Amino acid sequence: MNFWDYIKDRIIIYIMKTTAIVISIIFLSAFNVKSQAIIVVTNILVVTVLMSELWEYFRKRDFYIRLNNSLAELDKKYLLPELVNYPEFYEGKIMVNALRECDKSMAENVAEYRRQNKEFREYIEMWVHEAKIPVASLRLMCHNNQDVGRKMTGQIKRIDDYIESVLYYARSENPELDYVIKEVSLKKIFGSVAVRNREALQILDAAIETDGLDINVLTDGKWIEFIIGQLMANSIKYCSPDRKLFLRAWADNNDKGVIFHFRDNGKGILKEDIPYIFEKSFTGHNGRENKSSTGMGLFIVSNLCERLGHRIDVVSEYGKYTEIQIVFGKNDFYKMS
């Protein structure tokens, strides 16, 4: 609380008090009061005004300094009303009451939004599980009818991927309720992803090469399988029409952690699009060419990696390749015997 700002804010009051003192002096002079008495009375009035203003300033200053210090130290600013004590002056009490009422109202609104969000997420999860039943039935029908099955398999796989994306997006806001961090095998995870995408890969006559995946990383097996599955689905979606799809996956192990590399020889990503590919709903140049792009796949992948504590990077050259790198940190605390 700046002293001069405080003075400027009360300048009208000081003008009024000064005017009252001057008028008092004029009246005292008009009644022939001795000059010594006038000086004494004037000094008493001036000292009283000065002392009262200084007292008012310092008690308010202490309160506002504590208020600003508490605000600066808080990471979550909305907790301020819970830390502020009632001051001695009336205006401060009104302000603290207003802050606490606002905090109470905000807490009630946040609780209501959380309840609605939870209900919506639970509904989405239920819908996804229900939608997977007819998808599984269609896959069985395709398997039993090979003539039309090959044509339908790719589209059913896309439907299944979109349904799964909805499920993981709904869960991505609170993944800590659903994941278990433990050591999982990258080789096993990647093999499972490849098997799930075998029909689409066979249709494209794609080739896969792996190296150094026989290594364990600390993560959640189900979530990382979805992440790698999204990367493979993108490689299939954005494969180049000029050459056969070739996928390569390998891992590097060093002191800082394990780096998983996933590279395809597809269309690649324009240099100016790379900084934005993990943003929500960003489709970029490739998305404008592929009308089915939603821009959500890599956003969900990036969000899940962040929640799991993994770093994700991309290296790409347009028209040649795209390489996604996921960095798994090392932490002995999470290791399970």
C-alpha atoms as a PDB file:
ATOM      1  CA  MET A   1       0.000   0.000   0.000  1.00  0.00           C
ATOM      2  CA  ASN A   2       1.738   3.175  -1.245  1.00  0.00           C
ATOM      3  CA  PHE A   3       1.593   6.193   1.085  1.00  0.00           C
ATOM      4  CA  TRP A   4       1.315   8.789  -1.687  1.00  0.00           C
ATOM      5  CA  ASP A   5      -1.436   6.834  -3.440  1.00  0.00           C
ATOM      6  CA  TYR A   6      -3.281   6.763  -0.117  1.00  0.00           C
ATOM      7  CA  ILE A   7      -2.892  10.575   0.188  1.00  0.00           C
ATOM      8  CA  LYS A   8      -4.122  11.142  -3.371  1.00  0.00           C
ATOM      9  CA  ASP A   9      -7.144   8.932  -2.747  1.00  0.00           C
ATOM     10  CA  ARG A  10      -8.149  11.062   0.287  1.00  0.00           C
ATOM     11  CA  ILE A  11      -7.291  14.516  -1.103  1.00  0.00           C
ATOM     12  CA  ILE A  12     -10.932  15.666  -1.038  1.00  0.00           C
ATOM     13  CA  ILE A  13     -11.175  14.784   2.672  1.00  0.00           C
ATOM     14  CA  TYR A  14      -8.006  16.770   3.398  1.00  0.00           C
ATOM     15  CA  ILE A  15      -9.348  19.783   1.526  1.00  0.00           C
ATOM     16  CA  MET A  16     -12.564  19.635   3.568  1.00  0.00           C
ATOM     17  CA  LYS A  17     -10.665  19.323   6.869  1.00  0.00           C
ATOM     18  CA  THR A  18      -8.323  22.174   5.936  1.00  0.00           C
ATOM     19  CA  THR A  19     -11.317  24.330   5.032  1.00  0.00           C
ATOM     20  CA  ALA A  20     -12.927  23.559   8.406  1.00  0.00           C
ATOM     21  CA  ILE A  21      -9.742  24.574  10.259  1.00  0.00           C
ATOM     22  CA  VAL A  22      -9.485  27.836   8.307  1.00  0.00           C
ATOM     23  CA  ILE A  23     -13.143  28.688   9.011  1.00  0.00           C
ATOM     24  CA  SER A  24     -12.572  27.933  12.719  1.00  0.00           C
ATOM     25  CA  ILE A  25      -9.624  30.333  12.770  1.00  0.00           C
ATOM     26  CA  ILE A  26     -11.716  33.052  11.088  1.00  0.00           C
ATOM     27  CA  PHE A  27     -14.528  32.654  13.635  1.00  0.00           C
ATOM     28  CA  LEU A  28     -12.095  32.717  16.552  1.00  0.00           C
ATOM     29  CA  SER A  29     -10.549  35.904  15.195  1.00  0.00           C
ATOM     30  CA  ALA A  30     -13.987  37.462  14.702  1.00  0.00           C
ATOM     31  CA  PHE A  31     -14.751  36.944  18.395  1.00  0.00           C
ATOM     32  CA  ASN A  32     -11.457  38.623  19.375  1.00  0.00           C
ATOM     33  CA  VAL A  33      -9.890  35.451  20.774  1.00  0.00           C
ATOM     34  CA  LYS A  34      -6.243  35.982  21.598  1.00  0.00           C
ATOM     35  CA  SER A  35      -3.781  34.930  18.910  1.00  0.00           C
ATOM     36  CA  GLN A  36      -1.967  32.585  21.317  1.00  0.00           C
ATOM     37  CA  ALA A  37      -5.238  30.706  21.920  1.00  0.00           C
ATOM     38  CA  ILE A  38      -5.926  30.536  18.186  1.00  0.00           C
ATOM     39  CA  ILE A  39      -2.461  29.084  17.583  1.00  0.00           C
ATOM     40  CA  VAL A  40      -2.938  26.490  20.328  1.00  0.00           C
ATOM     41  CA  VAL A  41      -6.375  25.451  19.013  1.00  0.00           C
ATOM     42  CA  THR A  42      -5.063  25.313  15.441  1.00  0.00           C
ATOM     43  CA  ASN A  43      -2.107  23.138  16.448  1.00  0.00           C
ATOM     44  CA  ILE A  44      -4.407  20.796  18.365  1.00  0.00           C
ATOM     45  CA  LEU A  45      -6.689  20.415  15.329  1.00  0.00           C
ATOM     46  CA  VAL A  46      -3.789  19.893  12.893  1.00  0.00           C
ATOM     47  CA  VAL A  47      -2.022  17.365  15.143  1.00  0.00           C
ATOM     48  CA  THR A  48      -5.298  15.520  15.733  1.00  0.00           C
ATOM     49  CA  VAL A  49      -5.949  15.292  11.979  1.00  0.00           C
ATOM     50  CA  LEU A  50      -2.384  14.143  11.263  1.00  0.00           C
ATOM     51  CA  MET A  51      -2.398  11.522  14.036  1.00  0.00           C
ATOM     52  CA  SER A  52      -5.783  10.141  13.021  1.00  0.00           C
ATOM     53  CA  GLU A  53      -4.732   9.913   9.365  1.00  0.00           C
ATOM     54  CA  LEU A  54      -1.444   8.198  10.202  1.00  0.00           C
ATOM     55  CA  TRP A  55      -3.247   5.720  12.467  1.00  0.00           C
ATOM     56  CA  GLU A  56      -5.798   5.024   9.722  1.00  0.00           C
ATOM     57  CA  TYR A  57      -3.057   4.581   7.101  1.00  0.00           C
ATOM     58  CA  PHE A  58      -0.876   2.192   9.118  1.00  0.00           C
ATOM     59  CA  ARG A  59      -3.680  -0.153  10.241  1.00  0.00           C
ATOM     60  CA  LYS A  60      -4.961  -0.408   6.665  1.00  0.00           C
ATOM     61  CA  ARG A  61      -1.442  -0.728   5.277  1.00  0.00           C
ATOM     62  CA  ASP A  62      -0.664  -3.749   7.474  1.00  0.00           C
ATOM     63  CA  PHE A  63      -3.836  -5.508   6.346  1.00  0.00           C
ATOM     64  CA  TYR A  64      -3.240  -4.900   2.638  1.00  0.00           C
ATOM     65  CA  ILE A  65       0.430  -5.896   2.859  1.00  0.00           C
ATOM     66  CA  ARG A  66      -0.597  -9.232   4.414  1.00  0.00           C
ATOM     67  CA  LEU A  67      -3.260  -9.586   1.721  1.00  0.00           C
ATOM     68  CA  ASN A  68      -0.804  -8.975  -1.160  1.00  0.00           C
ATOM     69  CA  ASN A  69       1.864 -11.236   0.379  1.00  0.00           C
ATOM     70  CA  SER A  70      -0.638 -14.074   0.800  1.00  0.00           C
ATOM     71  CA  LEU A  71      -1.792 -13.612  -2.790  1.00  0.00           C
ATOM     72  CA  ALA A  72       1.786 -13.668  -4.122  1.00  0.00           C
ATOM     73  CA  GLU A  73       2.653 -16.853  -2.214  1.00  0.00           C
ATOM     74  CA  LEU A  74      -0.425 -18.803  -3.325  1.00  0.00           C
ATOM     75  CA  ASP A  75      -0.299 -21.030  -6.396  1.00  0.00           C
ATOM     76  CA  LYS A  76      -4.079 -21.357  -6.314  1.00  0.00           C
ATOM     77  CA  LYS A  77      -5.243 -17.757  -5.949  1.00  0.00           C
ATOM     78  CA  TYR A  78      -8.845 -18.730  -5.288  1.00  0.00           C
ATOM     79  CA  LEU A  79      -7.815 -19.977  -1.826  1.00  0.00           C
ATOM     80  CA  LEU A  80      -7.079 -16.401  -0.711  1.00  0.00           C
ATOM     81  CA  PRO A  81     -10.394 -15.826   1.160  1.00  0.00           C
ATOM     82  CA  GLU A  82      -9.630 -18.812   3.422  1.00  0.00           C
ATOM     83  CA  LEU A  83      -6.302 -17.281   4.504  1.00  0.00           C
ATOM     84  CA  VAL A  84      -7.440 -13.686   5.091  1.00  0.00           C
ATOM     85  CA  ASN A  85      -8.374 -12.723   8.651  1.00  0.00           C
ATOM     86  CA  TYR A  86     -10.851  -9.986   9.468  1.00  0.00           C
ATOM     87  CA  PRO A  87      -9.156  -6.563   9.840  1.00  0.00           C
ATOM     88  CA  GLU A  88      -9.992  -3.956  12.479  1.00  0.00           C
ATOM     89  CA  PHE A  89     -11.567  -1.434  10.116  1.00  0.00           C
ATOM     90  CA  TYR A  90     -15.128  -1.759   8.876  1.00  0.00           C
ATOM     91  CA  GLU A  91     -14.465  -1.462   5.116  1.00  0.00           C
ATOM     92  CA  GLY A  92     -11.969  -4.319   5.317  1.00  0.00           C
ATOM     93  CA  LYS A  93     -14.519  -6.534   7.046  1.00  0.00           C
ATOM     94  CA  ILE A  94     -17.004  -5.831   4.246  1.00  0.00           C
ATOM     95  CA  MET A  95     -14.349  -6.764   1.666  1.00  0.00           C
ATOM     96  CA  VAL A  96     -13.425 -10.017   3.440  1.00  0.00           C
ATOM     97  CA  ASN A  97     -17.110 -10.973   3.714  1.00  0.00           C
ATOM     98  CA  ALA A  98     -17.548 -10.277  -0.015  1.00  0.00           C
ATOM     99  CA  LEU A  99     -14.479 -12.401  -0.877  1.00  0.00           C
ATOM    100  CA  ARG A 100     -15.718 -15.306   1.226  1.00  0.00           C
ATOM    101  CA  GLU A 101     -19.191 -15.152  -0.311  1.00  0.00           C
ATOM    102  CA  CYS A 102     -17.633 -15.148  -3.787  1.00  0.00           C
ATOM    103  CA  ASP A 103     -15.415 -18.091  -2.821  1.00  0.00           C
ATOM    104  CA  LYS A 104     -18.412 -20.012  -1.510  1.00  0.00           C
ATOM    105  CA  SER A 105     -20.412 -19.329  -4.662  1.00  0.00           C
ATOM    106  CA  MET A 106     -17.480 -20.348  -6.859  1.00  0.00           C
ATOM    107  CA  ALA A 107     -16.998 -23.599  -4.922  1.00  0.00           C
ATOM    108  CA  GLU A 108     -20.688 -24.457  -5.346  1.00  0.00           C
ATOM    109  CA  ASN A 109     -20.556 -23.749  -9.094  1.00  0.00           C
ATOM    110  CA  VAL A 110     -17.349 -25.773  -9.540  1.00  0.00           C
ATOM    111  CA  ALA A 111     -18.901 -28.678  -7.640  1.00  0.00           C
ATOM    112  CA  GLU A 112     -21.953 -28.546  -9.910  1.00  0.00           C
ATOM    113  CA  TYR A 113     -19.818 -28.492 -13.074  1.00  0.00           C
ATOM    114  CA  ARG A 114     -17.736 -31.379 -11.763  1.00  0.00           C
ATOM    115  CA  ARG A 115     -20.866 -33.373 -11.073  1.00  0.00           C
ATOM    116  CA  GLN A 116     -22.183 -32.701 -14.582  1.00  0.00           C
ATOM    117  CA  ASN A 117     -18.804 -33.538 -16.116  1.00  0.00           C
ATOM    118  CA  LYS A 118     -18.628 -36.793 -14.172  1.00  0.00           C
ATOM    119  CA  GLU A 119     -22.126 -37.795 -15.264  1.00  0.00           C
ATOM    120  CA  PHE A 120     -21.320 -36.962 -18.907  1.00  0.00           C
ATOM    121  CA  ARG A 121     -18.056 -38.935 -18.775  1.00  0.00           C
ATOM    122  CA  GLU A 122     -19.819 -41.941 -17.241  1.00  0.00           C
ATOM    123  CA  TYR A 123     -22.466 -41.759 -19.963  1.00  0.00           C
ATOM    124  CA  ILE A 124     -19.804 -41.605 -22.697  1.00  0.00           C
ATOM    125  CA  GLU A 125     -17.999 -44.618 -21.221  1.00  0.00           C
ATOM    126  CA  MET A 126     -21.265 -46.564 -21.066  1.00  0.00           C
ATOM    127  CA  TRP A 127     -22.089 -45.557 -24.665  1.00  0.00           C
ATOM    128  CA  VAL A 128     -18.666 -46.671 -25.869  1.00  0.00           C
ATOM    129  CA  HIS A 129     -19.022 -50.087 -24.273  1.00  0.00           C
ATOM    130  CA  GLU A 130     -22.498 -50.477 -25.785  1.00  0.00           C
ATOM    131  CA  ALA A 131     -21.281 -49.340 -29.224  1.00  0.00           C
ATOM    132  CA  LYS A 132     -18.468 -51.889 -29.194  1.00  0.00           C
ATOM    133  CA  ILE A 133     -20.972 -54.769 -29.097  1.00  0.00           C
ATOM    134  CA  PRO A 134     -22.380 -54.229 -32.640  1.00  0.00           C
ATOM    135  CA  VAL A 135     -18.845 -53.517 -33.895  1.00  0.00           C
ATOM    136  CA  ALA A 136     -17.693 -56.885 -32.562  1.00  0.00           C
ATOM    137  CA  SER A 137     -20.736 -58.508 -34.185  1.00  0.00           C
ATOM    138  CA  LEU A 138     -19.907 -56.912 -37.543  1.00  0.00           C
ATOM    139  CA  ARG A 139     -16.337 -58.168 -37.303  1.00  0.00           C
ATOM    140  CA  LEU A 140     -17.602 -61.706 -36.679  1.00  0.00           C
ATOM    141  CA  MET A 141     -19.934 -61.417 -39.687  1.00  0.00           C
ATOM    142  CA  CYS A 142     -17.038 -60.222 -41.845  1.00  0.00           C
ATOM    143  CA  HIS A 143     -14.931 -63.146 -40.688  1.00  0.00           C
ATOM    144  CA  ASN A 144     -17.695 -65.587 -41.631  1.00  0.00           C
ATOM    145  CA  ASN A 145     -18.323 -63.943 -44.999  1.00  0.00           C
ATOM    146  CA  GLN A 146     -14.932 -63.442 -46.617  1.00  0.00           C
ATOM    147  CA  ASP A 147     -16.356 -61.991 -49.860  1.00  0.00           C
ATOM    148  CA  VAL A 148     -17.699 -58.790 -48.353  1.00  0.00           C
ATOM    149  CA  GLY A 149     -15.697 -59.010 -45.146  1.00  0.00           C
ATOM    150  CA  ARG A 150     -12.444 -57.719 -46.632  1.00  0.00           C
ATOM    151  CA  LYS A 151     -14.166 -54.584 -47.912  1.00  0.00           C
ATOM    152  CA  MET A 152     -15.917 -53.902 -44.630  1.00  0.00           C
ATOM    153  CA  THR A 153     -13.054 -54.715 -42.254  1.00  0.00           C
ATOM    154  CA  GLY A 154     -11.200 -51.472 -42.845  1.00  0.00           C
ATOM    155  CA  GLN A 155     -14.277 -49.337 -42.226  1.00  0.00           C
ATOM    156  CA  ILE A 156     -15.226 -51.303 -39.109  1.00  0.00           C
ATOM    157  CA  LYS A 157     -11.677 -50.858 -37.812  1.00  0.00           C
ATOM    158  CA  ARG A 158     -11.997 -47.090 -38.320  1.00  0.00           C
ATOM    159  CA  ILE A 159     -15.305 -47.039 -36.431  1.00  0.00           C
ATOM    160  CA  ASP A 160     -13.744 -49.026 -33.606  1.00  0.00           C
ATOM    161  CA  ASP A 161     -10.765 -46.642 -33.460  1.00  0.00           C
ATOM    162  CA  TYR A 162     -13.035 -43.596 -33.316  1.00  0.00           C
ATOM    163  CA  ILE A 163     -15.103 -45.170 -30.522  1.00  0.00           C
ATOM    164  CA  GLU A 164     -11.963 -45.959 -28.559  1.00  0.00           C
ATOM    165  CA  SER A 165     -10.693 -42.395 -29.058  1.00  0.00           C
ATOM    166  CA  VAL A 166     -13.902 -41.067 -27.525  1.00  0.00           C
ATOM    167  CA  LEU A 167     -13.431 -43.348 -24.520  1.00  0.00           C
ATOM    168  CA  TYR A 168      -9.835 -42.329 -23.906  1.00  0.00           C
ATOM    169  CA  TYR A 169     -10.601 -38.657 -24.462  1.00  0.00           C
ATOM    170  CA  ALA A 170     -13.363 -38.853 -21.839  1.00  0.00           C
ATOM    171  CA  ARG A 171     -10.946 -40.507 -19.413  1.00  0.00           C
ATOM    172  CA  SER A 172      -7.952 -38.274 -20.203  1.00  0.00           C
ATOM    173  CA  GLU A 173      -9.038 -35.545 -17.774  1.00  0.00           C
ATOM    174  CA  ASN A 174      -8.754 -37.940 -14.820  1.00  0.00           C
ATOM    175  CA  PRO A 175      -6.432 -40.769 -15.931  1.00  0.00           C
ATOM    176  CA  GLU A 176      -5.101 -41.194 -12.392  1.00  0.00           C
ATOM    177  CA  LEU A 177      -8.387 -42.965 -11.576  1.00  0.00           C
ATOM    178  CA  ASP A 178      -7.725 -45.621 -14.199  1.00  0.00           C
ATOM    179  CA  TYR A 179      -3.983 -46.186 -14.652  1.00  0.00           C
ATOM    180  CA  VAL A 180      -1.441 -48.354 -12.853  1.00  0.00           C
ATOM    181  CA  ILE A 181       2.240 -47.516 -13.308  1.00  0.00           C
ATOM    182  CA  LYS A 182       4.423 -50.614 -13.559  1.00  0.00           C
ATOM    183  CA  GLU A 183       7.051 -52.170 -15.785  1.00  0.00           C
ATOM    184  CA  VAL A 184       5.693 -53.278 -19.165  1.00  0.00           C
ATOM    185  CA  SER A 185       7.437 -54.703 -22.218  1.00  0.00           C
ATOM    186  CA  LEU A 186       7.598 -52.418 -25.264  1.00  0.00           C
ATOM    187  CA  LYS A 187       7.919 -55.473 -27.476  1.00  0.00           C
ATOM    188  CA  LYS A 188       4.717 -56.987 -26.113  1.00  0.00           C
ATOM    189  CA  ILE A 189       2.823 -53.692 -26.379  1.00  0.00           C
ATOM    190  CA  PHE A 190       3.948 -53.008 -29.947  1.00  0.00           C
ATOM    191  CA  GLY A 191       3.157 -56.591 -30.974  1.00  0.00           C
ATOM    192  CA  SER A 192      -0.367 -56.250 -29.593  1.00  0.00           C
ATOM    193  CA  VAL A 193      -0.866 -52.991 -31.534  1.00  0.00           C
ATOM    194  CA  ALA A 194       0.395 -54.585 -34.752  1.00  0.00           C
ATOM    195  CA  VAL A 195      -1.978 -57.542 -34.354  1.00  0.00           C
ATOM    196  CA  ARG A 196      -4.956 -55.208 -33.822  1.00  0.00           C
ATOM    197  CA  ASN A 197      -4.084 -53.388 -37.058  1.00  0.00           C
ATOM    198  CA  ARG A 198      -3.113 -56.437 -39.108  1.00  0.00           C
ATOM    199  CA  GLU A 199      -6.064 -56.257 -41.528  1.00  0.00           C
ATOM    200  CA  ALA A 200      -5.374 -52.629 -42.449  1.00  0.00           C
ATOM    201  CA  LEU A 201      -1.651 -53.327 -42.740  1.00  0.00           C
ATOM    202  CA  GLN A 202      -2.279 -56.369 -44.953  1.00  0.00           C
ATOM    203  CA  ILE A 203      -4.540 -54.384 -47.268  1.00  0.00           C
ATOM    204  CA  LEU A 204      -1.727 -51.843 -47.737  1.00  0.00           C
ATOM    205  CA  ASP A 205       0.887 -54.622 -47.991  1.00  0.00           C
ATOM    206  CA  ALA A 206       2.814 -52.745 -45.302  1.00  0.00           C
ATOM    207  CA  ALA A 207       6.160 -53.849 -43.875  1.00  0.00           C
ATOM    208  CA  ILE A 208       7.226 -53.492 -40.231  1.00  0.00           C
ATOM    209  CA  GLU A 209      10.740 -53.532 -38.831  1.00  0.00           C
ATOM    210  CA  THR A 210      11.522 -53.524 -35.088  1.00  0.00           C
ATOM    211  CA  ASP A 211      14.772 -53.273 -33.184  1.00  0.00           C
ATOM    212  CA  GLY A 212      15.656 -53.052 -29.496  1.00  0.00           C
ATOM    213  CA  LEU A 213      12.069 -53.267 -28.237  1.00  0.00           C
ATOM    214  CA  ASP A 214      12.885 -56.102 -25.846  1.00  0.00           C
ATOM    215  CA  ILE A 215      13.019 -53.637 -22.964  1.00  0.00           C
ATOM    216  CA  ASN A 216      10.745 -52.722 -20.063  1.00  0.00           C
ATOM    217  CA  VAL A 217       9.486 -49.208 -19.352  1.00  0.00           C
ATOM    218  CA  LEU A 218       7.546 -47.675 -16.460  1.00  0.00           C
ATOM    219  CA  THR A 219       4.063 -46.776 -17.692  1.00  0.00           C
ATOM    220  CA  ASP A 220       0.474 -48.013 -17.854  1.00  0.00           C
ATOM    221  CA  GLY A 221       0.219 -50.850 -20.368  1.00  0.00           C
ATOM    222  CA  LYS A 222      -3.351 -50.122 -21.506  1.00  0.00           C
ATOM    223  CA  TRP A 223      -2.794 -46.401 -22.017  1.00  0.00           C
ATOM    224  CA  ILE A 224       0.537 -46.749 -23.828  1.00  0.00           C
ATOM    225  CA  GLU A 225      -0.998 -49.385 -26.107  1.00  0.00           C
ATOM    226  CA  PHE A 226      -3.693 -46.900 -27.064  1.00  0.00           C
ATOM    227  CA  ILE A 227      -1.043 -44.202 -27.665  1.00  0.00           C
ATOM    228  CA  ILE A 228       1.063 -46.396 -29.964  1.00  0.00           C
ATOM    229  CA  GLY A 229      -2.150 -47.589 -31.644  1.00  0.00           C
ATOM    230  CA  GLN A 230      -3.034 -43.972 -32.465  1.00  0.00           C
ATOM    231  CA  LEU A 231       0.426 -43.438 -33.946  1.00  0.00           C
ATOM    232  CA  MET A 232       0.047 -46.528 -36.138  1.00  0.00           C
ATOM    233  CA  ALA A 233      -3.474 -45.492 -37.177  1.00  0.00           C
ATOM    234  CA  ASN A 234      -2.082 -42.109 -38.276  1.00  0.00           C
ATOM    235  CA  SER A 235       0.647 -43.827 -40.284  1.00  0.00           C
ATOM    236  CA  ILE A 236      -2.001 -45.919 -42.050  1.00  0.00           C
ATOM    237  CA  LYS A 237      -4.265 -42.929 -42.632  1.00  0.00           C
ATOM    238  CA  TYR A 238      -1.518 -40.685 -44.023  1.00  0.00           C
ATOM    239  CA  CYS A 239       0.453 -43.264 -46.000  1.00  0.00           C
ATOM    240  CA  SER A 240       1.933 -42.119 -49.291  1.00  0.00           C
ATOM    241  CA  PRO A 241       0.175 -43.319 -52.467  1.00  0.00           C
ATOM    242  CA  ASP A 242       3.540 -43.404 -54.270  1.00  0.00           C
ATOM    243  CA  ARG A 243       5.191 -46.170 -52.217  1.00  0.00           C
ATOM    244  CA  LYS A 244       4.488 -49.155 -50.004  1.00  0.00           C
ATOM    245  CA  LEU A 245       4.019 -48.299 -46.341  1.00  0.00           C
ATOM    246  CA  PHE A 246       7.064 -49.095 -44.231  1.00  0.00           C
ATOM    247  CA  LEU A 247       6.963 -48.805 -40.434  1.00  0.00           C
ATOM    248  CA  ARG A 248       9.996 -48.941 -38.186  1.00  0.00           C
ATOM    249  CA  ALA A 249       9.998 -49.035 -34.378  1.00  0.00           C
ATOM    250  CA  TRP A 250      13.031 -49.096 -32.120  1.00  0.00           C
ATOM    251  CA  ALA A 251      14.127 -48.041 -28.649  1.00  0.00           C
ATOM    252  CA  ASP A 252      17.228 -46.411 -27.171  1.00  0.00           C
ATOM    253  CA  ASN A 253      18.186 -46.927 -23.535  1.00  0.00           C
ATOM    254  CA  ASN A 254      20.384 -44.402 -21.719  1.00  0.00           C
ATOM    255  CA  ASP A 255      20.928 -42.975 -18.244  1.00  0.00           C
ATOM    256  CA  LYS A 256      18.025 -40.528 -18.550  1.00  0.00           C
ATOM    257  CA  GLY A 257      15.465 -43.070 -19.711  1.00  0.00           C
ATOM    258  CA  VAL A 258      14.145 -45.047 -22.662  1.00  0.00           C
ATOM    259  CA  ILE A 259      13.311 -43.344 -25.961  1.00  0.00           C
ATOM    260  CA  PHE A 260      10.769 -45.148 -28.142  1.00  0.00           C
ATOM    261  CA  HIS A 261      10.960 -44.228 -31.845  1.00  0.00           C
ATOM    262  CA  PHE A 262       8.142 -44.851 -34.309  1.00  0.00           C
ATOM    263  CA  ARG A 263       8.798 -43.874 -37.933  1.00  0.00           C
ATOM    264  CA  ASP A 264       6.801 -44.239 -41.135  1.00  0.00           C
ATOM    265  CA  ASN A 265       7.601 -43.338 -44.751  1.00  0.00           C
ATOM    266  CA  GLY A 266       4.259 -41.607 -45.316  1.00  0.00           C
ATOM    267  CA  LYS A 267       3.366 -38.117 -46.439  1.00  0.00           C
ATOM    268  CA  GLY A 268       5.267 -36.387 -43.659  1.00  0.00           C
ATOM    269  CA  ILE A 269       4.336 -33.093 -41.996  1.00  0.00           C
ATOM    270  CA  LEU A 270       4.973 -29.590 -43.273  1.00  0.00           C
ATOM    271  CA  LYS A 271       7.597 -27.706 -41.254  1.00  0.00           C
ATOM    272  CA  GLU A 272       5.163 -24.906 -40.403  1.00  0.00           C
ATOM    273  CA  ASP A 273       2.582 -27.427 -39.108  1.00  0.00           C
ATOM    274  CA  ILE A 274       4.904 -29.273 -36.694  1.00  0.00           C
ATOM    275  CA  PRO A 275       4.606 -26.796 -33.740  1.00  0.00           C
ATOM    276  CA  TYR A 276       0.801 -27.199 -33.760  1.00  0.00           C
ATOM    277  CA  ILE A 277       0.169 -30.908 -34.389  1.00  0.00           C
ATOM    278  CA  PHE A 278      -0.485 -31.651 -30.695  1.00  0.00           C
ATOM    279  CA  GLU A 279      -3.054 -28.868 -30.369  1.00  0.00           C
ATOM    280  CA  LYS A 280      -6.727 -29.703 -30.130  1.00  0.00           C
ATOM    281  CA  SER A 281      -8.588 -29.952 -33.476  1.00  0.00           C
ATOM    282  CA  PHE A 282      -5.522 -28.920 -35.532  1.00  0.00           C
ATOM    283  CA  THR A 283      -5.517 -30.785 -38.854  1.00  0.00           C
ATOM    284  CA  GLY A 284      -2.945 -28.849 -40.882  1.00  0.00           C
ATOM    285  CA  HIS A 285      -2.096 -29.442 -44.539  1.00  0.00           C
ATOM    286  CA  ASN A 286      -2.606 -33.215 -44.422  1.00  0.00           C
ATOM    287  CA  GLY A 287      -5.944 -32.742 -42.666  1.00  0.00           C
ATOM    288  CA  ARG A 288      -7.187 -30.494 -45.450  1.00  0.00           C
ATOM    289  CA  GLU A 289      -6.329 -33.203 -47.977  1.00  0.00           C
ATOM    290  CA  ASN A 290      -7.878 -35.950 -45.835  1.00  0.00           C
ATOM    291  CA  LYS A 291     -11.428 -34.784 -45.083  1.00  0.00           C
ATOM    292  CA  SER A 292     -11.913 -37.434 -42.357  1.00  0.00           C
ATOM    293  CA  SER A 293      -9.243 -35.886 -40.121  1.00  0.00           C
ATOM    294  CA  THR A 294     -10.481 -34.537 -36.797  1.00  0.00           C
ATOM    295  CA  GLY A 295      -7.239 -33.236 -35.279  1.00  0.00           C
ATOM    296  CA  MET A 296      -8.017 -35.068 -32.029  1.00  0.00           C
ATOM    297  CA  GLY A 297      -5.763 -38.147 -32.248  1.00  0.00           C
ATOM    298  CA  LEU A 298      -2.401 -36.517 -31.523  1.00  0.00           C
ATOM    299  CA  PHE A 299      -4.026 -34.114 -29.065  1.00  0.00           C
ATOM    300  CA  ILE A 300      -5.274 -37.067 -26.992  1.00  0.00           C
ATOM    301  CA  VAL A 301      -1.885 -38.788 -27.332  1.00  0.00           C
ATOM    302  CA  SER A 302      -0.033 -35.687 -26.141  1.00  0.00           C
ATOM    303  CA  ASN A 303      -2.469 -35.190 -23.263  1.00  0.00           C
ATOM    304  CA  LEU A 304      -2.102 -38.798 -22.098  1.00  0.00           C
ATOM    305  CA  CYS A 305       1.705 -38.665 -22.346  1.00  0.00           C
ATOM    306  CA  GLU A 306       1.727 -35.540 -20.212  1.00  0.00           C
ATOM    307  CA  ARG A 307      -0.519 -37.157 -17.611  1.00  0.00           C
ATOM    308  CA  LEU A 308       1.648 -40.281 -17.524  1.00  0.00           C
ATOM    309  CA  GLY A 309       4.833 -38.216 -17.190  1.00  0.00           C
ATOM    310  CA  HIS A 310       6.224 -39.052 -20.653  1.00  0.00           C
ATOM    311  CA  ARG A 311       7.625 -36.558 -23.149  1.00  0.00           C
ATOM    312  CA  ILE A 312       6.555 -36.768 -26.779  1.00  0.00           C
ATOM    313  CA  ASP A 313       8.369 -35.153 -29.737  1.00  0.00           C
ATOM    314  CA  VAL A 314       8.028 -35.267 -33.506  1.00  0.00           C
ATOM    315  CA  VAL A 315      10.581 -35.103 -36.309  1.00  0.00           C
ATOM    316  CA  SER A 316       9.365 -35.024 -39.887  1.00  0.00           C
ATOM    317  CA  GLU A 317      10.297 -34.119 -43.436  1.00  0.00           C
ATOM    318  CA  TYR A 318       7.371 -33.474 -45.747  1.00  0.00           C
ATOM    319  CA  GLY A 319       7.060 -36.075 -48.490  1.00  0.00           C
ATOM    320  CA  LYS A 320       9.581 -38.433 -46.850  1.00  0.00           C
ATOM    321  CA  TYR A 321       8.887 -39.549 -43.286  1.00  0.00           C
ATOM    322  CA  THR A 322       7.418 -38.820 -39.851  1.00  0.00           C
ATOM    323  CA  GLU A 323       9.060 -39.963 -36.627  1.00  0.00           C
ATOM    324  CA  ILE A 324       7.381 -39.803 -33.203  1.00  0.00           C
ATOM    325  CA  GLN A 325       9.573 -40.113 -30.108  1.00  0.00           C
ATOM    326  CA  ILE A 326       8.234 -40.965 -26.649  1.00  0.00           C
ATOM    327  CA  VAL A 327      10.616 -40.572 -23.704  1.00  0.00           C
ATOM    328  CA  PHE A 328      10.020 -42.816 -20.698  1.00  0.00           C
ATOM    329  CA  GLY A 329      11.776 -41.580 -17.567  1.00  0.00           C
ATOM    330  CA  LYS A 330      13.464 -43.808 -15.004  1.00  0.00           C
ATOM    331  CA  ASN A 331      12.264 -43.904 -11.400  1.00  0.00           C
ATOM    332  CA  ASP A 332      13.094 -46.770  -9.043  1.00  0.00           C
ATOM    333  CA  PHE A 333      10.288 -45.682  -6.716  1.00  0.00           C
ATOM    334  CA  TYR A 334       7.656 -47.146  -9.047  1.00  0.00           C
ATOM    335  CA  LYS A 335       9.372 -50.448  -9.629  1.00  0.00           C
ATOM    336  CA  MET A 336       7.425 -53.427  -8.376  1.00  0.00           C
ATOM    337  CA  SER A 337       8.998 -56.650  -7.211  1.00  0.00           C
END
